[in-house]
N, C-alpha and C. Protein backbone atom coordinates (compact mmCIF):
# COMPACT_ATOMS: atom_id res chain seq x y z
N MET A 1 22.77 -12.15 11.75
CA MET A 1 21.72 -11.99 10.77
C MET A 1 21.05 -10.62 11.00
N ALA A 2 20.70 -9.99 9.92
CA ALA A 2 20.04 -8.68 10.00
C ALA A 2 18.66 -8.83 10.60
N GLN A 3 18.23 -7.79 11.28
CA GLN A 3 16.92 -7.79 11.93
C GLN A 3 15.81 -7.65 10.88
N GLN A 4 14.67 -8.28 11.15
CA GLN A 4 13.53 -8.23 10.25
C GLN A 4 13.09 -6.78 10.04
N PRO A 5 12.93 -6.37 8.76
CA PRO A 5 12.42 -5.02 8.50
C PRO A 5 11.01 -4.86 9.05
N LYS A 6 10.75 -3.73 9.65
CA LYS A 6 9.42 -3.44 10.20
C LYS A 6 8.71 -2.48 9.26
N ASP A 7 7.41 -2.65 9.18
CA ASP A 7 6.57 -1.77 8.38
C ASP A 7 6.10 -0.65 9.28
N SER A 8 6.66 0.53 9.09
CA SER A 8 6.31 1.67 9.95
C SER A 8 5.44 2.67 9.22
N ALA A 9 4.54 2.16 8.38
CA ALA A 9 3.71 3.03 7.55
C ALA A 9 2.68 3.82 8.34
N GLY A 10 2.66 3.69 9.61
CA GLY A 10 1.73 4.48 10.40
C GLY A 10 1.32 3.72 11.64
N THR A 11 1.49 4.35 12.77
CA THR A 11 1.01 3.75 14.01
C THR A 11 -0.49 3.88 14.01
N CYS A 12 -1.16 2.77 14.23
CA CYS A 12 -2.62 2.77 14.10
C CYS A 12 -3.29 2.55 15.44
N ARG A 13 -4.43 3.12 15.54
CA ARG A 13 -5.33 2.92 16.68
C ARG A 13 -6.67 2.55 16.09
N GLY A 14 -7.05 1.30 16.22
CA GLY A 14 -8.33 0.86 15.65
C GLY A 14 -8.36 0.92 14.14
N GLY A 15 -7.21 0.73 13.48
CA GLY A 15 -7.16 0.72 12.03
C GLY A 15 -7.04 2.09 11.41
N VAL A 16 -7.03 3.14 12.22
CA VAL A 16 -6.89 4.50 11.71
C VAL A 16 -5.58 5.06 12.22
N PRO A 17 -4.75 5.58 11.32
CA PRO A 17 -3.46 6.10 11.76
C PRO A 17 -3.63 7.26 12.74
N VAL A 18 -2.70 7.34 13.66
CA VAL A 18 -2.69 8.45 14.60
C VAL A 18 -2.02 9.62 13.88
N ILE A 19 -2.83 10.56 13.44
CA ILE A 19 -2.32 11.67 12.65
C ILE A 19 -3.03 12.95 13.05
N LYS A 20 -2.48 14.06 12.60
CA LYS A 20 -3.10 15.35 12.87
C LYS A 20 -4.34 15.52 11.98
N GLN A 21 -5.12 16.50 12.28
CA GLN A 21 -6.27 16.82 11.45
C GLN A 21 -5.76 17.41 10.13
N PHE A 22 -6.37 17.01 9.04
CA PHE A 22 -5.99 17.56 7.74
C PHE A 22 -6.69 18.90 7.54
N LYS A 23 -5.95 19.84 7.00
CA LYS A 23 -6.50 21.18 6.76
C LYS A 23 -6.80 21.44 5.29
N SER A 24 -6.25 20.57 4.41
CA SER A 24 -6.46 20.78 2.98
C SER A 24 -6.29 19.45 2.24
N VAL A 25 -6.78 19.42 1.02
CA VAL A 25 -6.58 18.24 0.18
C VAL A 25 -5.09 18.06 -0.09
N SER A 26 -4.37 19.15 -0.17
CA SER A 26 -2.91 19.06 -0.35
C SER A 26 -2.26 18.30 0.80
N GLU A 27 -2.72 18.53 2.03
CA GLU A 27 -2.19 17.79 3.18
C GLU A 27 -2.57 16.32 3.11
N VAL A 28 -3.77 16.02 2.62
CA VAL A 28 -4.20 14.63 2.44
C VAL A 28 -3.25 13.94 1.46
N LEU A 29 -2.96 14.62 0.35
CA LEU A 29 -2.06 14.06 -0.65
C LEU A 29 -0.64 13.92 -0.10
N ASP A 30 -0.19 14.89 0.71
CA ASP A 30 1.13 14.77 1.34
C ASP A 30 1.19 13.52 2.21
N PHE A 31 0.11 13.25 2.94
CA PHE A 31 0.05 12.05 3.77
C PHE A 31 0.15 10.80 2.90
N ALA A 32 -0.60 10.77 1.80
CA ALA A 32 -0.57 9.61 0.90
C ALA A 32 0.81 9.44 0.27
N ILE A 33 1.43 10.54 -0.12
CA ILE A 33 2.78 10.49 -0.69
C ILE A 33 3.77 9.94 0.33
N SER A 34 3.65 10.38 1.58
CA SER A 34 4.56 9.89 2.62
C SER A 34 4.38 8.39 2.84
N ARG A 35 3.15 7.89 2.70
CA ARG A 35 2.91 6.44 2.82
C ARG A 35 3.56 5.67 1.68
N GLU A 36 3.54 6.25 0.48
CA GLU A 36 4.20 5.59 -0.66
C GLU A 36 5.72 5.59 -0.48
N ILE A 37 6.26 6.67 0.06
CA ILE A 37 7.70 6.73 0.33
C ILE A 37 8.07 5.66 1.35
N GLU A 38 7.28 5.54 2.42
CA GLU A 38 7.55 4.52 3.43
C GLU A 38 7.41 3.12 2.85
N ALA A 39 6.43 2.89 1.98
CA ALA A 39 6.27 1.58 1.35
C ALA A 39 7.49 1.24 0.52
N HIS A 40 7.99 2.22 -0.23
CA HIS A 40 9.19 2.00 -1.03
C HIS A 40 10.36 1.62 -0.14
N LYS A 41 10.57 2.36 0.94
CA LYS A 41 11.66 2.06 1.87
C LYS A 41 11.51 0.66 2.47
N PHE A 42 10.28 0.28 2.81
CA PHE A 42 10.01 -1.04 3.38
C PHE A 42 10.45 -2.13 2.40
N TYR A 43 10.05 -2.01 1.14
CA TYR A 43 10.42 -3.03 0.15
C TYR A 43 11.92 -3.03 -0.12
N VAL A 44 12.55 -1.87 -0.12
CA VAL A 44 14.01 -1.82 -0.31
C VAL A 44 14.72 -2.53 0.84
N ARG A 45 14.24 -2.32 2.08
CA ARG A 45 14.83 -3.04 3.22
C ARG A 45 14.65 -4.55 3.05
N LEU A 46 13.50 -4.97 2.55
CA LEU A 46 13.27 -6.40 2.33
C LEU A 46 14.21 -6.95 1.25
N ILE A 47 14.46 -6.17 0.20
CA ILE A 47 15.39 -6.60 -0.86
C ILE A 47 16.74 -6.95 -0.25
N GLU A 48 17.20 -6.10 0.63
CA GLU A 48 18.51 -6.29 1.25
C GLU A 48 18.51 -7.42 2.28
N TRP A 49 17.35 -7.79 2.79
CA TRP A 49 17.24 -8.72 3.90
C TRP A 49 17.01 -10.16 3.46
N VAL A 50 16.17 -10.37 2.43
CA VAL A 50 15.81 -11.73 2.04
C VAL A 50 16.99 -12.45 1.39
N GLN A 51 16.94 -13.77 1.42
CA GLN A 51 18.04 -14.58 0.92
C GLN A 51 17.84 -15.04 -0.53
N ARG A 52 16.61 -15.23 -0.94
CA ARG A 52 16.35 -15.78 -2.27
C ARG A 52 16.34 -14.69 -3.33
N PRO A 53 17.14 -14.85 -4.39
CA PRO A 53 17.20 -13.83 -5.45
C PRO A 53 15.84 -13.55 -6.11
N GLU A 54 15.03 -14.59 -6.32
CA GLU A 54 13.73 -14.37 -6.97
C GLU A 54 12.79 -13.56 -6.09
N VAL A 55 12.92 -13.71 -4.77
CA VAL A 55 12.09 -12.94 -3.85
C VAL A 55 12.60 -11.50 -3.79
N ALA A 56 13.92 -11.33 -3.80
CA ALA A 56 14.49 -9.98 -3.83
C ALA A 56 14.03 -9.25 -5.09
N LYS A 57 13.98 -9.95 -6.22
CA LYS A 57 13.52 -9.35 -7.48
C LYS A 57 12.04 -8.95 -7.38
N ALA A 58 11.23 -9.79 -6.73
CA ALA A 58 9.81 -9.46 -6.55
C ALA A 58 9.67 -8.18 -5.73
N PHE A 59 10.45 -8.08 -4.64
CA PHE A 59 10.38 -6.88 -3.81
C PHE A 59 10.96 -5.67 -4.54
N GLU A 60 11.93 -5.89 -5.41
CA GLU A 60 12.45 -4.79 -6.23
C GLU A 60 11.34 -4.24 -7.13
N ASN A 61 10.56 -5.14 -7.73
CA ASN A 61 9.42 -4.71 -8.57
C ASN A 61 8.38 -3.97 -7.74
N MET A 62 8.12 -4.45 -6.53
CA MET A 62 7.14 -3.79 -5.66
C MET A 62 7.64 -2.41 -5.24
N ALA A 63 8.94 -2.29 -4.97
CA ALA A 63 9.52 -0.99 -4.61
C ALA A 63 9.37 -0.01 -5.78
N THR A 64 9.59 -0.51 -6.99
CA THR A 64 9.42 0.33 -8.18
C THR A 64 7.97 0.77 -8.33
N ASP A 65 7.03 -0.15 -8.07
CA ASP A 65 5.61 0.20 -8.12
C ASP A 65 5.30 1.32 -7.14
N GLU A 66 5.84 1.24 -5.94
CA GLU A 66 5.57 2.28 -4.93
C GLU A 66 6.13 3.62 -5.38
N LEU A 67 7.29 3.63 -6.03
CA LEU A 67 7.82 4.88 -6.58
C LEU A 67 6.88 5.45 -7.64
N GLN A 68 6.34 4.57 -8.49
CA GLN A 68 5.40 5.02 -9.52
C GLN A 68 4.12 5.57 -8.89
N HIS A 69 3.67 4.93 -7.81
CA HIS A 69 2.48 5.44 -7.11
C HIS A 69 2.76 6.84 -6.55
N ARG A 70 3.95 7.01 -5.98
CA ARG A 70 4.34 8.32 -5.43
C ARG A 70 4.36 9.38 -6.54
N ILE A 71 4.96 9.05 -7.66
CA ILE A 71 5.04 10.00 -8.78
C ILE A 71 3.63 10.38 -9.24
N ARG A 72 2.75 9.39 -9.30
CA ARG A 72 1.36 9.67 -9.71
C ARG A 72 0.68 10.60 -8.72
N LEU A 73 0.86 10.35 -7.42
CA LEU A 73 0.23 11.22 -6.42
C LEU A 73 0.82 12.63 -6.46
N GLU A 74 2.11 12.74 -6.72
CA GLU A 74 2.72 14.07 -6.86
C GLU A 74 2.14 14.80 -8.07
N ALA A 75 1.85 14.05 -9.14
CA ALA A 75 1.23 14.66 -10.33
C ALA A 75 -0.20 15.09 -10.02
N VAL A 76 -0.91 14.30 -9.21
CA VAL A 76 -2.26 14.69 -8.78
C VAL A 76 -2.19 15.98 -7.97
N LYS A 77 -1.23 16.03 -7.05
CA LYS A 77 -1.08 17.21 -6.19
C LYS A 77 -0.76 18.46 -7.02
N SER A 78 0.05 18.31 -8.04
CA SER A 78 0.43 19.47 -8.86
C SER A 78 -0.65 19.83 -9.89
N GLY A 79 -1.70 19.00 -9.98
CA GLY A 79 -2.79 19.30 -10.91
C GLY A 79 -2.57 18.76 -12.31
N GLU A 80 -1.50 17.99 -12.53
CA GLU A 80 -1.20 17.46 -13.86
C GLU A 80 -2.16 16.34 -14.26
N VAL A 81 -2.57 15.54 -13.28
CA VAL A 81 -3.52 14.46 -13.54
C VAL A 81 -4.52 14.42 -12.40
N CYS A 82 -5.60 13.68 -12.59
CA CYS A 82 -6.55 13.51 -11.51
C CYS A 82 -6.82 12.03 -11.29
N ILE A 83 -7.29 11.72 -10.11
CA ILE A 83 -7.66 10.34 -9.78
C ILE A 83 -9.14 10.21 -10.05
N ASN A 84 -9.48 9.30 -10.92
CA ASN A 84 -10.89 9.05 -11.20
C ASN A 84 -11.43 8.04 -10.20
N LYS A 85 -12.63 8.28 -9.75
CA LYS A 85 -13.28 7.35 -8.84
C LYS A 85 -13.88 6.23 -9.68
N GLU A 86 -13.38 5.02 -9.49
CA GLU A 86 -13.92 3.90 -10.23
C GLU A 86 -13.89 2.65 -9.36
N GLU A 87 -14.81 1.78 -9.61
CA GLU A 87 -14.87 0.53 -8.86
C GLU A 87 -13.74 -0.37 -9.31
N VAL A 88 -13.12 -1.02 -8.34
CA VAL A 88 -12.03 -1.94 -8.62
C VAL A 88 -12.47 -3.31 -8.14
N GLY A 89 -12.19 -4.32 -8.95
CA GLY A 89 -12.54 -5.68 -8.57
C GLY A 89 -11.73 -6.14 -7.36
N ASN A 90 -12.15 -7.27 -6.81
CA ASN A 90 -11.49 -7.81 -5.63
C ASN A 90 -11.61 -9.32 -5.69
N LEU A 91 -10.48 -10.01 -5.72
CA LEU A 91 -10.51 -11.46 -5.70
C LEU A 91 -10.75 -11.99 -4.30
N GLY A 92 -10.56 -11.14 -3.29
CA GLY A 92 -10.80 -11.54 -1.91
C GLY A 92 -9.72 -12.43 -1.32
N ILE A 93 -8.63 -12.63 -2.03
CA ILE A 93 -7.57 -13.52 -1.56
C ILE A 93 -6.93 -12.95 -0.30
N ALA A 94 -6.55 -11.68 -0.34
CA ALA A 94 -5.89 -11.06 0.82
C ALA A 94 -6.82 -11.03 2.03
N ASP A 95 -8.11 -10.86 1.77
CA ASP A 95 -9.08 -10.77 2.86
C ASP A 95 -9.23 -12.09 3.61
N ALA A 96 -8.96 -13.20 2.92
CA ALA A 96 -9.14 -14.52 3.52
C ALA A 96 -7.88 -15.05 4.19
N MET A 97 -6.77 -14.32 4.07
CA MET A 97 -5.50 -14.81 4.62
C MET A 97 -5.23 -14.25 6.00
N PRO A 98 -4.62 -15.07 6.85
CA PRO A 98 -4.20 -14.56 8.15
C PRO A 98 -3.00 -13.62 7.98
N PRO A 99 -2.76 -12.75 8.94
CA PRO A 99 -1.60 -11.85 8.86
C PRO A 99 -0.30 -12.64 8.67
N VAL A 100 0.63 -12.06 7.94
CA VAL A 100 1.90 -12.72 7.67
C VAL A 100 3.04 -11.73 7.91
N GLU A 101 4.12 -12.23 8.46
CA GLU A 101 5.31 -11.42 8.69
C GLU A 101 6.38 -11.81 7.68
N PRO A 102 7.19 -10.87 7.21
CA PRO A 102 8.29 -11.22 6.32
C PRO A 102 9.27 -12.17 7.02
N GLU A 103 9.82 -13.09 6.25
CA GLU A 103 10.82 -14.01 6.75
C GLU A 103 12.05 -13.93 5.85
N VAL A 104 13.21 -14.11 6.43
CA VAL A 104 14.45 -13.97 5.68
C VAL A 104 14.53 -14.97 4.52
N ASP A 105 13.97 -16.16 4.68
CA ASP A 105 14.03 -17.17 3.63
C ASP A 105 12.67 -17.41 2.98
N MET A 106 11.82 -16.37 2.94
CA MET A 106 10.47 -16.52 2.40
C MET A 106 10.51 -16.85 0.91
N SER A 107 9.44 -17.51 0.48
CA SER A 107 9.27 -17.86 -0.93
C SER A 107 8.62 -16.68 -1.67
N TYR A 108 8.55 -16.82 -2.99
CA TYR A 108 7.89 -15.81 -3.81
C TYR A 108 6.41 -15.68 -3.40
N VAL A 109 5.76 -16.81 -3.13
CA VAL A 109 4.36 -16.81 -2.71
C VAL A 109 4.21 -16.04 -1.39
N GLN A 110 5.12 -16.27 -0.45
CA GLN A 110 5.07 -15.54 0.81
C GLN A 110 5.29 -14.05 0.58
N ALA A 111 6.18 -13.71 -0.34
CA ALA A 111 6.42 -12.30 -0.66
C ALA A 111 5.15 -11.64 -1.20
N LEU A 112 4.43 -12.36 -2.05
CA LEU A 112 3.17 -11.84 -2.57
C LEU A 112 2.16 -11.65 -1.45
N ARG A 113 2.15 -12.56 -0.48
CA ARG A 113 1.24 -12.43 0.66
C ARG A 113 1.57 -11.19 1.48
N VAL A 114 2.86 -10.91 1.67
CA VAL A 114 3.27 -9.71 2.41
C VAL A 114 2.77 -8.47 1.66
N ALA A 115 2.95 -8.45 0.35
CA ALA A 115 2.52 -7.30 -0.46
C ALA A 115 1.00 -7.14 -0.44
N MET A 116 0.26 -8.26 -0.56
CA MET A 116 -1.20 -8.18 -0.52
C MET A 116 -1.67 -7.59 0.80
N GLN A 117 -1.06 -8.05 1.88
CA GLN A 117 -1.44 -7.57 3.21
C GLN A 117 -1.17 -6.08 3.35
N ARG A 118 -0.05 -5.63 2.83
CA ARG A 118 0.30 -4.21 2.92
C ARG A 118 -0.68 -3.35 2.15
N GLU A 119 -1.02 -3.78 0.94
CA GLU A 119 -1.99 -3.03 0.12
C GLU A 119 -3.37 -3.05 0.76
N LYS A 120 -3.77 -4.18 1.33
CA LYS A 120 -5.05 -4.28 2.02
C LYS A 120 -5.09 -3.30 3.20
N ASN A 121 -3.99 -3.23 3.95
CA ASN A 121 -3.93 -2.31 5.09
C ASN A 121 -4.03 -0.86 4.64
N SER A 122 -3.38 -0.53 3.54
CA SER A 122 -3.46 0.85 3.01
C SER A 122 -4.90 1.16 2.59
N TYR A 123 -5.53 0.22 1.93
CA TYR A 123 -6.93 0.40 1.53
C TYR A 123 -7.79 0.68 2.76
N ARG A 124 -7.61 -0.11 3.81
CA ARG A 124 -8.42 0.06 5.02
C ARG A 124 -8.16 1.39 5.70
N ILE A 125 -6.92 1.82 5.73
CA ILE A 125 -6.61 3.12 6.34
C ILE A 125 -7.36 4.23 5.62
N TYR A 126 -7.31 4.23 4.28
CA TYR A 126 -7.99 5.29 3.54
C TYR A 126 -9.51 5.20 3.66
N THR A 127 -10.07 4.00 3.67
CA THR A 127 -11.53 3.91 3.84
C THR A 127 -11.94 4.34 5.24
N ASN A 128 -11.14 4.00 6.25
CA ASN A 128 -11.44 4.46 7.61
C ASN A 128 -11.33 5.98 7.71
N LEU A 129 -10.32 6.55 7.08
CA LEU A 129 -10.18 8.01 7.10
C LEU A 129 -11.35 8.67 6.37
N ALA A 130 -11.82 8.06 5.29
CA ALA A 130 -12.98 8.61 4.57
C ALA A 130 -14.21 8.59 5.47
N THR A 131 -14.34 7.55 6.27
CA THR A 131 -15.49 7.42 7.17
C THR A 131 -15.52 8.53 8.22
N ILE A 132 -14.34 8.92 8.71
CA ILE A 132 -14.31 9.93 9.77
C ILE A 132 -14.07 11.34 9.26
N ALA A 133 -13.84 11.48 7.95
CA ALA A 133 -13.60 12.81 7.38
C ALA A 133 -14.82 13.69 7.57
N THR A 134 -14.57 14.92 7.95
CA THR A 134 -15.68 15.85 8.16
C THR A 134 -15.96 16.73 6.94
N LYS A 135 -14.99 16.86 6.05
CA LYS A 135 -15.17 17.68 4.85
C LYS A 135 -15.38 16.77 3.64
N PRO A 136 -16.37 17.07 2.81
CA PRO A 136 -16.65 16.22 1.64
C PRO A 136 -15.46 16.06 0.70
N GLU A 137 -14.67 17.12 0.50
CA GLU A 137 -13.53 17.00 -0.41
C GLU A 137 -12.46 16.05 0.14
N PHE A 138 -12.31 15.99 1.47
CA PHE A 138 -11.38 15.05 2.09
C PHE A 138 -11.90 13.63 1.93
N ARG A 139 -13.21 13.46 2.21
CA ARG A 139 -13.83 12.14 2.08
C ARG A 139 -13.66 11.62 0.65
N ASP A 140 -13.92 12.48 -0.33
CA ASP A 140 -13.78 12.08 -1.73
C ASP A 140 -12.34 11.68 -2.05
N MET A 141 -11.38 12.45 -1.58
CA MET A 141 -9.97 12.14 -1.86
C MET A 141 -9.57 10.84 -1.19
N PHE A 142 -9.98 10.63 0.07
CA PHE A 142 -9.66 9.37 0.75
C PHE A 142 -10.28 8.18 0.02
N LEU A 143 -11.50 8.33 -0.47
CA LEU A 143 -12.14 7.24 -1.20
C LEU A 143 -11.41 6.95 -2.51
N LYS A 144 -10.95 8.00 -3.17
CA LYS A 144 -10.17 7.81 -4.40
C LYS A 144 -8.85 7.12 -4.09
N LEU A 145 -8.19 7.53 -3.00
CA LEU A 145 -6.94 6.88 -2.61
C LEU A 145 -7.17 5.42 -2.24
N ALA A 146 -8.29 5.15 -1.58
CA ALA A 146 -8.63 3.76 -1.23
C ALA A 146 -8.80 2.93 -2.50
N GLN A 147 -9.43 3.48 -3.51
CA GLN A 147 -9.61 2.75 -4.77
C GLN A 147 -8.27 2.50 -5.46
N GLU A 148 -7.36 3.47 -5.37
CA GLU A 148 -6.02 3.27 -5.92
C GLU A 148 -5.35 2.07 -5.24
N GLU A 149 -5.44 2.02 -3.92
CA GLU A 149 -4.83 0.91 -3.16
C GLU A 149 -5.54 -0.41 -3.48
N ALA A 150 -6.84 -0.38 -3.67
CA ALA A 150 -7.57 -1.59 -4.05
C ALA A 150 -7.06 -2.12 -5.39
N GLY A 151 -6.76 -1.21 -6.29
CA GLY A 151 -6.19 -1.61 -7.58
C GLY A 151 -4.82 -2.26 -7.43
N HIS A 152 -4.01 -1.70 -6.54
CA HIS A 152 -2.68 -2.27 -6.28
C HIS A 152 -2.83 -3.68 -5.69
N LYS A 153 -3.76 -3.82 -4.74
CA LYS A 153 -3.98 -5.12 -4.10
C LYS A 153 -4.47 -6.13 -5.13
N LEU A 154 -5.37 -5.71 -6.01
CA LEU A 154 -5.89 -6.61 -7.03
C LEU A 154 -4.78 -7.11 -7.94
N ARG A 155 -3.86 -6.24 -8.33
CA ARG A 155 -2.73 -6.67 -9.17
C ARG A 155 -1.93 -7.77 -8.50
N VAL A 156 -1.66 -7.62 -7.20
CA VAL A 156 -0.88 -8.63 -6.48
C VAL A 156 -1.71 -9.91 -6.32
N GLU A 157 -3.01 -9.76 -6.06
CA GLU A 157 -3.88 -10.93 -5.93
C GLU A 157 -3.93 -11.73 -7.24
N ILE A 158 -3.98 -11.05 -8.36
CA ILE A 158 -3.99 -11.72 -9.66
C ILE A 158 -2.69 -12.50 -9.86
N GLU A 159 -1.57 -11.90 -9.53
CA GLU A 159 -0.28 -12.58 -9.64
C GLU A 159 -0.25 -13.81 -8.72
N TYR A 160 -0.72 -13.64 -7.50
CA TYR A 160 -0.76 -14.74 -6.54
C TYR A 160 -1.64 -15.87 -7.06
N ASP A 161 -2.82 -15.53 -7.57
CA ASP A 161 -3.73 -16.53 -8.12
C ASP A 161 -3.10 -17.27 -9.29
N TRP A 162 -2.39 -16.54 -10.14
CA TRP A 162 -1.73 -17.14 -11.31
C TRP A 162 -0.64 -18.10 -10.85
N VAL A 163 0.17 -17.69 -9.88
CA VAL A 163 1.25 -18.53 -9.37
C VAL A 163 0.71 -19.79 -8.69
N MET A 164 -0.40 -19.65 -8.00
CA MET A 164 -0.96 -20.77 -7.24
C MET A 164 -1.74 -21.75 -8.13
N SER A 165 -2.09 -21.35 -9.34
CA SER A 165 -2.90 -22.25 -10.18
C SER A 165 -2.05 -23.14 -11.06
């Protein structure tokens, strides 16, 4: 049996990735883009690993979402679009769940839990980075990236809530 895919989106120390100091907003965006690339790879590995076709399809959709997030961030970096700072709702579902690991025979509900956890972790990384940022433009970009991730988490939480009701 294939080994469980690991999420290597960043080695963390106290919830903050161990990374170099950012010198520009462009470097902040490069970091965010690299996280989206890693998220895509993570979901692709899960597609190949899980046994249930419906779960593989869910992870295929999540991998596609991560590619779209990457494309959006690349457009932000090139100046084609901007990220607006806006409040995003929160159902709090992911916040109330214990950590979950992917399983080879996981259900669709378990797959949604894995995705919610991943998006929640991304949100926390960006909010933690915003807290320690020394430059206002970095803090603003991290907060905008955190809101993007909150939106991603909310989408998965809504799907989970719909499936569970």
